[in-house]
């Protein structure tokens, strides 16, 4: 892609203090089998060498935005969406790693299904030492609708690819920090079509540490979301209250398990068992063990 040619795809990576991992994330994007993209990296006021690491790549498709300020991920994602020139927008996080054909497969699906606005997929979970420790996926292609959302279903956020116009229509809200994606999905399911595919799209980093404070904050944010009039109008007061009660119970259980030193039970339920029958380990090793600019 030349600098003046409009790309079909925009990949967005918001980054904050990701010096340890961001070069692997960038490398995995640049090594995609699909090449017609621009990569926008928005730094959120990192205090480490994140920006320096990003600048170590000289690919003309990369655009690095840095202003030294910390605004949060919603602000940075919206910034990327506003700057995006591509017809499609691809989500990516600074500590994750794309599978080599992720963009090619997702854009092919969206091209073949123009009625679909956004898609997400499965993740292979890795720890901070790039070891595979599990996965998160579904068995069949599933429409992600409002009913699935209220039951706690979600799209794996960094696997989501969709029409840039859809991202611009819904945007991310700074009022729902920590669950900004869940808030967007709730609004999008009312008028857009979202689909979850069983294919693995990325290596997703999760060091398997249970952070009670973060978990409780997200529970509170989710209850704020559940209290919205939209939820009441769609499902009624009783079901709305049921979901709020369940959220309070989850918070109480998390506190009890943590103080009983049983928080490992909270961690265990996050991931599914993974058996590498399709050669994903060599792909991961190639990206993380070879020279970063290969």
Protein backbone atom coordinates (compact mmCIF):
# COMPACT_ATOMS: atom_id res chain seq x y z
CA UNK A 1 0.00 0.00 0.00
CA UNK A 2 1.39 3.40 -0.97
CA UNK A 3 1.07 6.29 1.45
CA UNK A 4 -1.56 8.08 -0.68
CA UNK A 5 -3.68 5.03 -1.49
CA UNK A 6 -6.74 4.61 0.68
CA UNK A 7 -6.46 1.27 2.54
CA UNK A 8 -9.35 -1.15 2.76
CA UNK A 9 -8.63 -1.79 6.44
CA UNK A 10 -7.58 0.24 9.46
CA UNK A 11 -6.00 -1.62 12.38
CA UNK A 12 -6.10 0.23 15.68
CA UNK A 13 -3.80 -0.44 18.64
CA UNK A 14 -4.31 1.72 21.75
CA UNK A 15 -1.23 1.51 23.95
CA UNK A 16 -0.27 2.38 27.50
CA UNK A 17 3.00 1.25 29.14
CA UNK A 18 3.26 -1.77 26.85
CA UNK A 19 6.98 -1.71 26.18
CA UNK A 20 7.38 -5.41 26.99
CA UNK A 21 4.86 -6.63 24.44
CA UNK A 22 4.01 -4.01 21.83
CA UNK A 23 6.68 -4.95 19.30
CA UNK A 24 5.27 -8.48 19.10
CA UNK A 25 1.81 -7.02 18.58
CA UNK A 26 3.05 -4.76 15.79
CA UNK A 27 5.07 -7.52 14.19
CA UNK A 28 2.04 -9.80 14.10
CA UNK A 29 0.09 -7.09 12.26
CA UNK A 30 2.82 -6.36 9.73
CA UNK A 31 3.21 -10.09 9.01
CA UNK A 32 -0.45 -10.56 8.05
CA UNK A 33 -1.29 -12.42 4.84
CA UNK A 34 -3.55 -9.44 4.09
CA UNK A 35 -1.50 -6.32 3.34
CA UNK A 36 -3.98 -3.58 2.36
CA UNK A 37 -4.17 -1.84 5.75
CA UNK A 38 -2.99 1.10 7.76
CA UNK A 39 -1.98 0.66 11.40
CA UNK A 40 -2.86 3.45 13.81
CA UNK A 41 -1.16 3.32 17.22
CA UNK A 42 -2.47 5.80 19.79
CA UNK A 43 -0.32 6.12 22.88
CA UNK A 44 -2.17 7.09 26.05
CA UNK A 45 0.61 8.92 27.87
CA UNK A 46 2.95 5.99 28.45
CA UNK A 47 5.77 6.59 30.91
CA UNK A 48 7.94 3.71 29.67
CA UNK A 49 9.48 2.98 26.24
CA UNK A 50 6.23 2.09 24.46
CA UNK A 51 6.50 4.92 21.93
CA UNK A 52 10.18 4.22 21.33
CA UNK A 53 9.37 0.55 20.63
CA UNK A 54 6.64 1.55 18.19
CA UNK A 55 9.01 3.89 16.36
CA UNK A 56 11.52 1.04 15.92
CA UNK A 57 9.42 -0.07 12.92
CA UNK A 58 9.79 1.86 9.68
CA UNK A 59 6.81 0.47 7.76
CA UNK A 60 4.97 3.31 5.97
CA UNK A 61 1.60 1.80 6.90
CA UNK A 62 2.18 2.71 10.56
CA UNK A 63 0.87 5.98 12.00
CA UNK A 64 1.82 6.74 15.63
CA UNK A 65 -0.25 9.30 17.55
CA UNK A 66 1.15 10.57 20.82
CA UNK A 67 0.33 13.69 22.82
CA UNK A 68 1.73 12.73 26.24
CA UNK A 69 -1.71 12.73 27.88
CA UNK A 70 -3.63 9.95 29.62
CA UNK A 71 -7.26 9.95 28.45
CA UNK A 72 -8.17 6.25 28.71
CA UNK A 73 -8.90 3.52 26.21
CA UNK A 74 -12.35 4.77 25.13
CA UNK A 75 -10.89 8.12 24.11
CA UNK A 76 -8.03 6.46 22.22
CA UNK A 77 -10.32 4.00 20.43
CA UNK A 78 -12.62 6.81 19.33
CA UNK A 79 -9.56 8.75 18.20
CA UNK A 80 -8.55 5.83 15.99
CA UNK A 81 -12.07 5.44 14.61
CA UNK A 82 -12.16 9.14 13.69
CA UNK A 83 -8.78 8.88 11.94
CA UNK A 84 -9.51 5.57 10.19
CA UNK A 85 -9.42 5.66 6.39
CA UNK A 86 -10.33 2.02 5.89
CA UNK A 87 -13.78 0.68 5.14
CA UNK A 88 -13.22 -1.87 7.93
CA UNK A 89 -11.81 -1.32 11.41
CA UNK A 90 -9.83 -4.06 13.18
CA UNK A 91 -9.47 -4.02 16.99
CA UNK A 92 -6.18 -5.02 18.53
CA UNK A 93 -4.50 -4.59 21.91
CA UNK A 94 -0.85 -3.76 22.51
CA UNK A 95 -0.09 -6.94 24.44
CA UNK A 96 -1.82 -9.44 22.13
CA UNK A 97 -0.62 -11.21 18.99
CA UNK A 98 -2.61 -11.72 15.78
CA UNK A 99 -2.73 -15.05 14.00
CA UNK A 100 -1.13 -14.52 10.56
CA UNK A 101 -4.35 -14.81 8.52
CA UNK A 102 -6.72 -13.10 10.93
CA UNK A 103 -7.41 -10.02 8.83
CA UNK A 104 -7.70 -11.98 5.60
CA UNK A 105 -10.30 -14.37 7.07
CA UNK A 106 -12.35 -11.71 8.84
CA UNK A 107 -12.46 -9.35 5.85
CA UNK A 108 -13.45 -12.27 3.59
CA UNK A 109 -16.36 -13.07 5.91
CA UNK A 110 -17.56 -9.46 6.07
CA UNK A 111 -17.27 -9.14 2.29
CA UNK A 112 -19.31 -12.31 1.79
CA UNK A 113 -21.89 -11.23 4.42
CA UNK A 114 -22.55 -7.52 3.78
CA UNK A 115 -25.53 -7.61 6.16
CA UNK A 116 -23.14 -8.21 9.09
CA UNK A 117 -21.69 -5.12 10.76
CA UNK A 118 -19.21 -6.58 13.25
CA UNK A 119 -17.67 -9.97 13.96
CA UNK A 120 -15.57 -11.41 16.76
CA UNK A 121 -13.87 -14.73 17.32
CA UNK A 122 -12.03 -16.98 19.73
CA UNK A 123 -8.73 -16.41 21.52
CA UNK A 124 -5.84 -18.63 22.49
CA UNK A 125 -4.84 -17.46 25.96
CA UNK A 126 -1.14 -16.95 26.74
CA UNK A 127 0.68 -15.81 29.86
CA UNK A 128 3.33 -13.09 30.15
CA UNK A 129 6.01 -15.62 29.15
CA UNK A 130 4.21 -16.49 25.90
CA UNK A 131 3.05 -19.90 27.07
CA UNK A 132 -0.35 -21.16 25.95
CA UNK A 133 -2.57 -21.69 29.00
CA UNK A 134 -6.08 -22.09 27.60
CA UNK A 135 -8.60 -20.69 25.16
CA UNK A 136 -11.95 -18.93 24.90
CA UNK A 137 -14.18 -19.84 22.00
CA UNK A 138 -17.60 -21.13 20.96
CA UNK A 139 -18.47 -24.22 18.94
CA UNK A 140 -20.73 -22.66 16.30
CA UNK A 141 -21.30 -19.39 14.50
CA UNK A 142 -23.65 -17.37 16.68
CA UNK A 143 -25.55 -14.13 16.21
CA UNK A 144 -24.73 -11.88 19.14
CA UNK A 145 -28.05 -10.28 20.02
CA UNK A 146 -29.49 -8.37 22.95
CA UNK A 147 -30.78 -11.56 24.57
CA UNK A 148 -27.32 -13.12 24.55
CA UNK A 149 -25.89 -9.87 25.91
CA UNK A 150 -28.24 -9.79 28.92
CA UNK A 151 -27.23 -13.38 29.77
CA UNK A 152 -23.63 -12.23 30.13
CA UNK A 153 -22.42 -13.13 26.67
CA UNK A 154 -19.74 -11.01 25.12
CA UNK A 155 -17.47 -10.61 22.15
CA UNK A 156 -13.75 -11.03 22.78
CA UNK A 157 -13.01 -7.34 22.36
CA UNK A 158 -9.57 -7.41 20.68
CA UNK A 159 -10.84 -9.94 18.10
CA UNK A 160 -13.59 -7.67 16.79
CA UNK A 161 -13.51 -6.45 13.20
CA UNK A 162 -16.31 -4.48 11.60
CA UNK A 163 -17.45 -1.74 9.32
CA UNK A 164 -15.81 1.52 10.27
CA UNK A 165 -19.18 3.20 9.75
CA UNK A 166 -20.67 0.99 12.49
CA UNK A 167 -17.90 1.89 14.95
CA UNK A 168 -18.44 5.56 14.17
CA UNK A 169 -22.17 5.23 14.69
CA UNK A 170 -21.91 3.75 18.19
CA UNK A 171 -18.50 4.91 19.48
CA UNK A 172 -17.10 4.08 22.94
CA UNK A 173 -18.31 5.83 26.08
CA UNK A 174 -15.97 7.17 28.75
CA UNK A 175 -18.78 6.65 31.29
CA UNK A 176 -18.30 2.88 31.24
CA UNK A 177 -14.57 2.47 31.75
CA UNK A 178 -13.67 -1.20 32.12
CA UNK A 179 -16.74 -2.40 30.22
CA UNK A 180 -16.68 0.10 27.36
CA UNK A 181 -16.97 -2.77 24.89
CA UNK A 182 -20.00 -4.29 26.63
CA UNK A 183 -21.75 -0.91 26.55
CA UNK A 184 -21.06 -0.57 22.83
CA UNK A 185 -22.35 -4.11 22.10
CA UNK A 186 -25.56 -3.37 24.00
CA UNK A 187 -26.29 -0.35 21.86
CA UNK A 188 -25.14 -1.94 18.61
CA UNK A 189 -27.35 -5.03 18.96
CA UNK A 190 -30.44 -2.83 18.74
CA UNK A 191 -29.89 -1.89 15.09
CA UNK A 192 -26.74 -3.65 13.84
CA UNK A 193 -25.93 -7.32 13.21
CA UNK A 194 -23.09 -8.79 15.26
CA UNK A 195 -21.76 -12.32 14.84
CA UNK A 196 -19.40 -14.48 16.91
CA UNK A 197 -17.33 -16.99 14.91
CA UNK A 198 -15.61 -20.06 16.38
CA UNK A 199 -12.29 -19.36 14.66
CA UNK A 200 -9.29 -18.34 16.73
CA UNK A 201 -8.12 -14.83 15.83
CA UNK A 202 -5.42 -13.85 18.32
CA UNK A 203 -3.13 -14.95 21.12
CA UNK A 204 -4.71 -13.13 24.06
CA UNK A 205 -2.53 -12.26 27.04
CA UNK A 206 -3.90 -13.14 30.47
CA UNK A 207 -1.34 -13.73 33.26
CA UNK A 208 -3.98 -15.55 35.36
CA UNK A 209 -3.89 -13.16 38.27
CA UNK A 210 -7.18 -12.40 39.95
CA UNK A 211 -7.44 -8.69 40.78
CA UNK A 212 -10.31 -8.29 43.21
CA UNK A 213 -10.37 -4.49 43.06
CA UNK A 214 -10.61 -4.53 39.26
CA UNK A 215 -13.25 -7.24 39.29
CA UNK A 216 -15.44 -5.38 41.80
CA UNK A 217 -15.08 -2.13 39.85
CA UNK A 218 -16.23 -3.84 36.66
CA UNK A 219 -19.15 -5.39 38.51
CA UNK A 220 -20.21 -1.94 39.67
CA UNK A 221 -19.86 -0.61 36.15
CA UNK A 222 -21.93 -3.50 34.81
CA UNK A 223 -24.67 -2.78 37.36
CA UNK A 224 -24.70 0.83 36.21
CA UNK A 225 -25.15 -0.49 32.69
CA UNK A 226 -27.92 -2.87 33.72
CA UNK A 227 -29.82 0.01 35.32
CA UNK A 228 -30.20 1.83 32.02
CA UNK A 229 -33.71 2.41 30.74
CA UNK A 230 -32.82 0.49 27.59
CA UNK A 231 -32.46 -2.73 29.57
CA UNK A 232 -35.71 -2.19 31.43
CA UNK A 233 -37.61 -1.40 28.23
CA UNK A 234 -36.32 -4.52 26.49
CA UNK A 235 -36.59 -7.10 29.25
CA UNK A 236 -38.83 -5.65 31.92
CA UNK A 237 -38.25 -4.68 35.51
CA UNK A 238 -38.18 -8.22 36.95
CA UNK A 239 -35.48 -9.51 34.63
CA UNK A 240 -33.52 -6.32 35.09
CA UNK A 241 -33.60 -6.77 38.87
CA UNK A 242 -32.65 -10.43 38.55
CA UNK A 243 -29.51 -9.50 36.66
CA UNK A 244 -28.65 -6.83 39.22
CA UNK A 245 -29.04 -9.33 42.07
CA UNK A 246 -26.83 -11.84 40.27
CA UNK A 247 -24.18 -9.17 39.85
CA UNK A 248 -24.23 -8.38 43.57
CA UNK A 249 -23.94 -12.09 44.37
CA UNK A 250 -20.92 -12.44 42.07
CA UNK A 251 -19.21 -9.57 43.89
CA UNK A 252 -19.92 -11.13 47.31
CA UNK A 253 -18.64 -14.54 46.18
CA UNK A 254 -15.47 -12.98 44.75
CA UNK A 255 -14.74 -11.23 48.06
CA UNK A 256 -15.34 -14.40 50.09
CA UNK A 257 -13.16 -16.56 47.82
CA UNK A 258 -10.37 -13.99 47.83
CA UNK A 259 -10.25 -13.68 51.62
CA UNK A 260 -10.39 -17.47 51.93
CA UNK A 261 -7.43 -17.67 49.51
CA UNK A 262 -9.59 -19.52 47.00
CA UNK A 263 -9.51 -16.88 44.28
CA UNK A 264 -7.92 -19.49 42.02
CA UNK A 265 -11.48 -20.74 41.53
CA UNK A 266 -12.35 -17.40 39.95
CA UNK A 267 -9.36 -17.69 37.65
CA UNK A 268 -10.07 -21.29 36.62
CA UNK A 269 -13.50 -20.49 35.23
CA UNK A 270 -12.13 -17.88 32.81
CA UNK A 271 -10.57 -20.25 30.28
CA UNK A 272 -11.30 -23.50 28.50
CA UNK A 273 -8.79 -26.34 28.14
CA UNK A 274 -6.75 -26.04 24.96
CA UNK A 275 -5.18 -28.83 22.91
CA UNK A 276 -2.98 -27.60 20.08
CA UNK A 277 -3.94 -29.90 17.24
CA UNK A 278 -3.52 -27.24 14.56
CA UNK A 279 0.05 -26.05 15.05
CA UNK A 280 -0.55 -22.74 16.80
CA UNK A 281 2.49 -23.11 19.07
CA UNK A 282 5.04 -22.81 16.22
CA UNK A 283 3.25 -19.68 14.99
CA UNK A 284 3.52 -18.11 18.44
CA UNK A 285 7.16 -19.13 18.76
CA UNK A 286 8.03 -17.69 15.36
CA UNK A 287 6.70 -14.27 16.33
CA UNK A 288 8.11 -14.13 19.84
CA UNK A 289 11.45 -15.91 19.42
CA UNK A 290 12.71 -14.52 16.15
CA UNK A 291 14.00 -11.02 15.52
CA UNK A 292 11.22 -8.53 16.13
CA UNK A 293 11.48 -6.90 12.70
CA UNK A 294 11.44 -10.16 10.72
